[in-house]
């Protein structure tokens, strides 16, 4: 889970009296609050294990901190306002490798597809 600060630029194209199309683009910076990995395993030993990837603890207190706390990237998308109702879709492309050990755990980037709905008072 990340706390995110987006900085966006949007333009409103008026399509009718009460309808606008709003493409947007910008960037974001975020700080990791929580990142947990839950693993289930079976075989000779069966069970589950939860590892906190940001704070460096697992059920035995042994796991190293695997993820960096900050991330930054590009955000783009489009919104549509129909009277007072807003609908939008966007994509966030993480530009930073958030893995602290890319040689061991691989390159990790945050990417997200977002869907928004709202009501303008």
Foldseek 3Di string as FASTA:
>chain_A
DKDKDWDKDWDWDDPDDQKTKIKMKTKMKIFADWDKDKDFDDDPDGDIKIATQQPAQIPVGHGGNFFAGMWMWMKIWMWMTGRFKIKIKIKTWIDDQGTPCCVVVNGDGDIDIDIDIDGHD
